[in-house]
Protein backbone atom coordinates (compact mmCIF):
# COMPACT_ATOMS: atom_id res chain seq x y z
CA UNK A 1 -4.28 -46.40 3.92
CA UNK A 2 -1.46 -44.03 4.78
CA UNK A 3 -0.84 -43.06 7.99
CA UNK A 4 0.03 -39.42 8.77
CA UNK A 5 2.87 -38.91 11.75
CA UNK A 6 4.59 -35.67 13.16
CA UNK A 7 6.91 -35.68 16.03
CA UNK A 8 6.63 -39.71 16.16
CA UNK A 9 2.73 -39.03 17.29
CA UNK A 10 -0.06 -40.57 14.89
CA UNK A 11 -1.96 -38.23 13.94
CA UNK A 12 -4.92 -39.69 12.25
CA UNK A 13 -5.38 -42.41 9.06
CA UNK A 14 -6.62 -41.17 6.12
CA UNK A 15 -8.12 -43.17 2.74
CA UNK A 16 -8.42 -39.85 0.48
CA UNK A 17 -6.56 -36.54 0.96
CA UNK A 18 -9.07 -34.68 3.07
CA UNK A 19 -9.96 -31.15 1.79
CA UNK A 20 -12.43 -29.04 3.67
CA UNK A 21 -15.90 -31.51 3.84
CA UNK A 22 -14.70 -34.08 1.20
CA UNK A 23 -12.03 -35.98 0.15
CA UNK A 24 -10.45 -35.53 -3.46
CA UNK A 25 -10.99 -38.09 -6.59
CA UNK A 26 -8.64 -38.01 -9.36
CA UNK A 27 -10.62 -37.37 -12.37
CA UNK A 28 -7.71 -37.08 -14.86
CA UNK A 29 -4.26 -36.56 -15.72
CA UNK A 30 -3.27 -34.94 -18.93
CA UNK A 31 0.48 -34.48 -19.78
CA UNK A 32 1.71 -32.13 -22.22
CA UNK A 33 4.48 -32.57 -24.13
CA UNK A 34 4.98 -31.12 -27.37
CA UNK A 35 3.68 -27.36 -28.20
CA UNK A 36 -0.40 -27.35 -27.51
CA UNK A 37 -2.52 -24.35 -28.30
CA UNK A 38 -5.56 -25.47 -25.28
CA UNK A 39 -5.81 -27.89 -22.61
CA UNK A 40 -9.40 -28.49 -21.62
CA UNK A 41 -10.96 -30.55 -19.20
CA UNK A 42 -15.12 -31.68 -20.58
CA UNK A 43 -18.39 -32.93 -19.39
CA UNK A 44 -17.58 -36.23 -19.35
CA UNK A 45 -15.05 -34.92 -16.15
CA UNK A 46 -16.92 -31.81 -15.04
CA UNK A 47 -20.48 -33.11 -13.51
CA UNK A 48 -22.62 -32.30 -10.81
CA UNK A 49 -20.92 -35.82 -8.84
CA UNK A 50 -18.58 -32.74 -7.03
CA UNK A 51 -19.01 -29.18 -5.58
CA UNK A 52 -15.41 -28.27 -6.30
CA UNK A 53 -12.89 -29.22 -9.08
CA UNK A 54 -8.88 -28.65 -8.31
CA UNK A 55 -6.66 -28.30 -10.76
CA UNK A 56 -2.49 -29.06 -9.95
CA UNK A 57 -0.04 -27.72 -12.97
CA UNK A 58 3.17 -28.88 -12.69
CA UNK A 59 5.72 -27.74 -14.73
CA UNK A 60 3.99 -25.48 -16.88
CA UNK A 61 5.77 -23.56 -19.40
CA UNK A 62 4.64 -21.44 -22.44
CA UNK A 63 6.47 -21.49 -26.38
CA UNK A 64 6.54 -17.83 -26.36
CA UNK A 65 8.48 -15.81 -24.07
CA UNK A 66 6.51 -13.29 -21.39
CA UNK A 67 2.93 -14.62 -21.77
CA UNK A 68 0.31 -14.81 -19.36
CA UNK A 69 -1.59 -18.25 -17.89
CA UNK A 70 -5.37 -17.74 -18.32
CA UNK A 71 -8.47 -20.04 -18.43
CA UNK A 72 -12.27 -19.60 -19.62
CA UNK A 73 -15.13 -21.83 -19.01
CA UNK A 74 -18.32 -23.05 -21.07
CA UNK A 75 -21.72 -24.09 -20.23
CA UNK A 76 -22.47 -25.99 -23.50
CA UNK A 77 -19.13 -28.25 -23.71
CA UNK A 78 -16.82 -25.74 -25.44
CA UNK A 79 -19.32 -24.61 -28.24
CA UNK A 80 -18.91 -21.25 -27.37
CA UNK A 81 -17.51 -19.12 -23.78
CA UNK A 82 -18.35 -17.24 -21.84
CA UNK A 83 -18.00 -13.62 -22.28
CA UNK A 84 -17.73 -10.37 -19.90
CA UNK A 85 -15.72 -9.23 -16.86
CA UNK A 86 -13.67 -11.79 -14.59
CA UNK A 87 -13.44 -9.41 -11.46
CA UNK A 88 -9.75 -10.28 -10.78
CA UNK A 89 -7.50 -9.25 -7.81
CA UNK A 90 -3.59 -10.67 -6.45
CA UNK A 91 -1.06 -10.81 -3.85
CA UNK A 92 2.22 -11.59 -4.42
CA UNK A 93 5.37 -11.81 -2.16
CA UNK A 94 8.86 -11.85 -3.43
CA UNK A 95 10.55 -15.29 -2.41
CA UNK A 96 13.63 -14.17 -0.72
CA UNK A 97 13.21 -10.67 0.09
CA UNK A 98 10.42 -8.50 1.71
CA UNK A 99 8.57 -7.17 -1.36
CA UNK A 100 5.17 -7.77 -2.19
CA UNK A 101 2.46 -6.32 -3.69
CA UNK A 102 -1.82 -5.92 -4.41
CA UNK A 103 -4.18 -5.08 -6.92
CA UNK A 104 -7.45 -5.55 -8.84
CA UNK A 105 -8.56 -5.02 -12.40
CA UNK A 106 -11.47 -6.70 -14.65
CA UNK A 107 -10.22 -8.64 -17.07
CA UNK A 108 -12.37 -9.86 -20.57
CA UNK A 109 -13.65 -13.09 -21.49
CA UNK A 110 -10.62 -14.87 -19.70
CA UNK A 111 -9.59 -15.86 -16.33
CA UNK A 112 -6.29 -13.66 -17.10
CA UNK A 113 -3.24 -14.01 -14.49
CA UNK A 114 -1.20 -10.63 -13.87
CA UNK A 115 1.80 -12.19 -14.12
CA UNK A 116 3.96 -13.18 -17.05
CA UNK A 117 6.35 -16.33 -17.80
CA UNK A 118 9.63 -17.09 -18.87
CA UNK A 119 10.52 -19.83 -21.28
CA UNK A 120 13.85 -19.85 -20.08
CA UNK A 121 15.24 -23.59 -18.83
CA UNK A 122 14.49 -23.97 -15.05
CA UNK A 123 12.08 -21.42 -14.57
CA UNK A 124 9.33 -23.23 -12.22
CA UNK A 125 5.64 -22.31 -12.98
CA UNK A 126 3.70 -24.78 -10.32
CA UNK A 127 0.87 -23.88 -8.79
CA UNK A 128 -3.05 -25.34 -7.75
CA UNK A 129 -6.17 -23.69 -9.41
CA UNK A 130 -10.02 -23.96 -6.95
CA UNK A 131 -13.21 -23.81 -9.37
CA UNK A 132 -15.88 -23.34 -7.16
CA UNK A 133 -19.90 -23.16 -7.71
CA UNK A 134 -18.82 -24.53 -11.11
CA UNK A 135 -21.91 -26.71 -11.28
CA UNK A 136 -24.06 -24.27 -8.96
CA UNK A 137 -27.02 -22.23 -10.24
CA UNK A 138 -27.32 -20.58 -6.57
CA UNK A 139 -23.78 -18.77 -6.65
CA UNK A 140 -21.22 -16.64 -8.66
CA UNK A 141 -18.24 -18.84 -10.11
CA UNK A 142 -15.41 -18.44 -8.21
CA UNK A 143 -11.52 -19.32 -9.50
CA UNK A 144 -8.37 -18.87 -7.21
CA UNK A 145 -5.10 -19.75 -8.43
CA UNK A 146 -2.28 -20.32 -5.89
CA UNK A 147 1.19 -20.37 -7.24
CA UNK A 148 5.22 -20.29 -7.37
CA UNK A 149 6.77 -18.46 -9.84
CA UNK A 150 10.37 -17.60 -11.53
CA UNK A 151 9.25 -15.39 -14.55
CA UNK A 152 10.94 -13.76 -17.36
CA UNK A 153 12.52 -11.08 -14.95
CA UNK A 154 14.04 -13.24 -12.94
CA UNK A 155 11.77 -12.74 -10.11
CA UNK A 156 10.64 -15.47 -7.99
CA UNK A 157 7.04 -15.26 -6.08
CA UNK A 158 4.57 -16.64 -4.24
CA UNK A 159 1.32 -15.43 -5.52
CA UNK A 160 -2.72 -15.63 -4.87
CA UNK A 161 -5.22 -14.62 -7.64
CA UNK A 162 -8.97 -14.27 -7.62
CA UNK A 163 -11.50 -14.15 -9.96
CA UNK A 164 -15.38 -13.67 -10.03
CA UNK A 165 -17.37 -14.36 -12.72
CA UNK A 166 -21.03 -12.55 -12.02
CA UNK A 167 -23.42 -15.39 -13.66
CA UNK A 168 -25.62 -17.85 -11.78
CA UNK A 169 -24.88 -20.69 -14.93
CA UNK A 170 -23.76 -23.96 -14.31
CA UNK A 171 -20.20 -24.91 -16.20
CA UNK A 172 -19.38 -28.12 -17.70
CA UNK A 173 -15.98 -27.18 -19.57
CA UNK A 174 -12.63 -25.68 -18.80
CA UNK A 175 -10.08 -24.47 -21.24
CA UNK A 176 -6.39 -23.43 -20.48
CA UNK A 177 -3.88 -21.44 -22.64
CA UNK A 178 -1.82 -18.33 -22.63
CA UNK A 179 -2.45 -15.18 -24.54
CA UNK A 180 0.23 -15.30 -26.84
CA UNK A 181 1.56 -18.69 -28.23
CA UNK A 182 1.19 -22.30 -27.27
CA UNK A 183 1.54 -24.28 -24.10
CA UNK A 184 4.94 -25.91 -24.47
CA UNK A 185 4.86 -28.23 -21.62
CA UNK A 186 3.03 -28.88 -18.38
CA UNK A 187 1.70 -31.87 -16.22
CA UNK A 188 -2.43 -31.10 -15.09
CA UNK A 189 -4.46 -33.08 -13.02
CA UNK A 190 -7.89 -32.52 -11.99
CA UNK A 191 -9.77 -33.42 -9.21
CA UNK A 192 -13.24 -33.55 -8.23
CA UNK A 193 -13.76 -32.34 -4.57
CA UNK A 194 -17.06 -35.08 -3.08
CA UNK A 195 -19.77 -33.62 -1.57
């Protein structure tokens, strides 16, 4: 049991990290240390037990410079993937500066981000992706990606991206890749949020 304190006052005792309505359960950690085309989580991990799935990634790097991170989903454990439009929008703020922007578009067949990654040493790409209604046939799937980046142009930024997939389908497979080339490095941890 952990005790959380602030200003020497005990706030609460917790046995699991609280996250909205329920705690998080760690389901898997995968550490990529050599060139890999894709990373996926399948139906042995994605079940009706959880309402929301959360993927935390750290130290993510592409083999190829200036490529975009993406994900896609499947309802038949990766035998086929959803095709069509992922409705997309983002907001970013530069770290160390006042510049920022937002925009939106449609992405075909993938939840593809607009922010290209560099593969130089020390360039961070660390974040958290939220997959909501992944198993819910009563509502559309939404994906949110919150991350910090130093991109191929040496821009440091805090970014929030979001995608909506207009289909009421129960998905049981998530795949991650880059728009070109392989994943060079990165640690991915999958959590389920308890009902």
